[in-house]
C-alpha atoms as a PDB file:
ATOM      1  CA  MET A   1     -39.724  22.196  33.256  1.00  0.00           C
ATOM      2  CA  SER A   2     -42.791  21.806  35.756  1.00  0.00           C
ATOM      3  CA  THR A   3     -45.492  19.508  35.601  1.00  0.00           C
ATOM      4  CA  LEU A   4     -47.960  22.633  35.114  1.00  0.00           C
ATOM      5  CA  TRP A   5     -46.166  24.136  31.715  1.00  0.00           C
ATOM      6  CA  LEU A   6     -46.039  20.321  30.827  1.00  0.00           C
ATOM      7  CA  LEU A   7     -49.775  19.678  31.140  1.00  0.00           C
ATOM      8  CA  ALA A   8     -50.249  22.864  29.498  1.00  0.00           C
ATOM      9  CA  ASP A   9     -48.697  21.928  26.324  1.00  0.00           C
ATOM     10  CA  GLU A  10     -50.097  18.810  26.401  1.00  0.00           C
ATOM     11  CA  VAL A  11     -53.593  20.265  26.461  1.00  0.00           C
ATOM     12  CA  ALA A  12     -52.539  23.074  23.873  1.00  0.00           C
ATOM     13  CA  GLU A  13     -51.501  19.716  21.443  1.00  0.00           C
ATOM     14  CA  SER A  14     -54.573  18.106  22.328  1.00  0.00           C
ATOM     15  CA  MET A  15     -56.735  20.719  21.161  1.00  0.00           C
ATOM     16  CA  ARG A  16     -54.675  21.477  18.185  1.00  0.00           C
ATOM     17  CA  VAL A  17     -55.323  17.841  17.139  1.00  0.00           C
ATOM     18  CA  TYR A  18     -58.468  18.080  18.067  1.00  0.00           C
ATOM     19  CA  ASN A  19     -59.594  21.130  15.963  1.00  0.00           C
ATOM     20  CA  GLU A  20     -57.851  19.650  13.042  1.00  0.00           C
ATOM     21  CA  ARG A  21     -59.692  16.627  13.106  1.00  0.00           C
ATOM     22  CA  ALA A  22     -63.457  18.234  14.118  1.00  0.00           C
ATOM     23  CA  ALA A  23     -63.237  21.509  11.956  1.00  0.00           C
ATOM     24  CA  ALA A  24     -66.317  20.234  10.089  1.00  0.00           C
ATOM     25  CA  HIS A  25     -68.162  19.921  13.350  1.00  0.00           C
ATOM     26  CA  GLY A  26     -66.819  23.032  15.298  1.00  0.00           C
ATOM     27  CA  ALA A  27     -64.113  24.118  17.510  1.00  0.00           C
ATOM     28  CA  ALA A  28     -63.451  22.662  21.086  1.00  0.00           C
ATOM     29  CA  THR A  29     -62.916  25.354  23.827  1.00  0.00           C
ATOM     30  CA  PRO A  30     -59.844  24.621  26.323  1.00  0.00           C
ATOM     31  CA  ARG A  31     -60.841  24.847  29.785  1.00  0.00           C
ATOM     32  CA  THR A  32     -59.284  24.659  33.419  1.00  0.00           C
ATOM     33  CA  ARG A  33     -60.534  22.405  35.980  1.00  0.00           C
ATOM     34  CA  ASP A  34     -62.463  25.398  37.677  1.00  0.00           C
ATOM     35  CA  GLY A  35     -63.538  26.269  34.058  1.00  0.00           C
ATOM     36  CA  VAL A  36     -65.360  22.856  33.800  1.00  0.00           C
ATOM     37  CA  ARG A  37     -66.520  23.004  37.347  1.00  0.00           C
ATOM     38  CA  ARG A  38     -68.713  26.161  37.114  1.00  0.00           C
ATOM     39  CA  PHE A  39     -70.970  24.037  34.323  1.00  0.00           C
ATOM     40  CA  PHE A  40     -72.130  22.369  37.328  1.00  0.00           C
ATOM     41  CA  ASP A  41     -72.868  25.745  39.608  1.00  0.00           C
ATOM     42  CA  GLY A  42     -76.639  24.812  40.922  1.00  0.00           C
ATOM     43  CA  THR A  43     -76.197  20.928  40.384  1.00  0.00           C
ATOM     44  CA  GLU A  44     -75.489  18.253  43.251  1.00  0.00           C
ATOM     45  CA  LEU A  45     -71.891  17.442  41.700  1.00  0.00           C
ATOM     46  CA  LEU A  46     -71.504  13.684  42.534  1.00  0.00           C
ATOM     47  CA  ALA A  47     -68.291  12.286  43.932  1.00  0.00           C
ATOM     48  CA  PRO A  48     -65.521  12.336  43.030  1.00  0.00           C
ATOM     49  CA  GLY A  49     -66.616  15.886  41.757  1.00  0.00           C
ATOM     50  CA  VAL A  50     -64.670  17.424  38.870  1.00  0.00           C
ATOM     51  CA  VAL A  51     -61.683  15.316  38.349  1.00  0.00           C
ATOM     52  CA  ALA A  52     -59.325  14.063  35.177  1.00  0.00           C
ATOM     53  CA  LEU A  53     -61.171  11.769  33.062  1.00  0.00           C
ATOM     54  CA  PRO A  54     -59.094   8.365  34.015  1.00  0.00           C
ATOM     55  CA  ASP A  55     -59.747   9.632  37.603  1.00  0.00           C
ATOM     56  CA  TRP A  56     -64.066   9.437  37.689  1.00  0.00           C
ATOM     57  CA  ARG A  57     -64.906   6.094  39.089  1.00  0.00           C
ATOM     58  CA  PRO A  58     -61.949   3.573  38.047  1.00  0.00           C
ATOM     59  CA  GLY A  59     -63.184   0.186  38.938  1.00  0.00           C
ATOM     60  CA  PRO A  60     -60.960  -1.171  41.567  1.00  0.00           C
ATOM     61  CA  ASN A  61     -58.905  -3.431  39.301  1.00  0.00           C
ATOM     62  CA  ASP A  62     -58.409  -0.558  36.981  1.00  0.00           C
ATOM     63  CA  ALA A  63     -54.880  -0.024  35.988  1.00  0.00           C
ATOM     64  CA  ARG A  64     -54.055   3.808  36.315  1.00  0.00           C
ATOM     65  CA  ALA A  65     -54.376   5.210  32.771  1.00  0.00           C
ATOM     66  CA  ALA A  66     -51.916   7.494  31.295  1.00  0.00           C
ATOM     67  CA  ASN A  67     -52.596  11.424  31.753  1.00  0.00           C
ATOM     68  CA  ILE A  68     -55.395  12.367  29.519  1.00  0.00           C
ATOM     69  CA  PRO A  69     -55.799  16.284  29.739  1.00  0.00           C
ATOM     70  CA  MET A  70     -59.409  16.465  30.127  1.00  0.00           C
ATOM     71  CA  TRP A  71     -61.884  16.884  33.301  1.00  0.00           C
ATOM     72  CA  GLY A  72     -65.403  15.267  33.808  1.00  0.00           C
ATOM     73  CA  GLY A  73     -68.219  15.129  36.122  1.00  0.00           C
ATOM     74  CA  VAL A  74     -71.963  14.357  36.848  1.00  0.00           C
ATOM     75  CA  GLY A  75     -74.322  16.886  38.489  1.00  0.00           C
ATOM     76  CA  ARG A  76     -77.645  15.981  39.694  1.00  0.00           C
ATOM     77  CA  LYS A  77     -80.280  18.459  39.384  1.00  0.00           C
ATOM     78  CA  PRO A  78     -81.735  19.172  42.755  1.00  0.00           C
END
């Protein structure tokens, strides 16, 4: 099994659990990194860009977090 398929399975399972728990608040939409990146069009994307949540500006002494199948980033309006 490739890592890509493993991550796809993890994303699908995390979305299933999220949707079950958040049914009263609406459902989430799973997106690829590029799918999230498009929300930053027209902004200055701050470093390190759109990355997995544990990789967004970790502290110098932070241990590498477990893989979290979610993307994050910050964009500044010009």
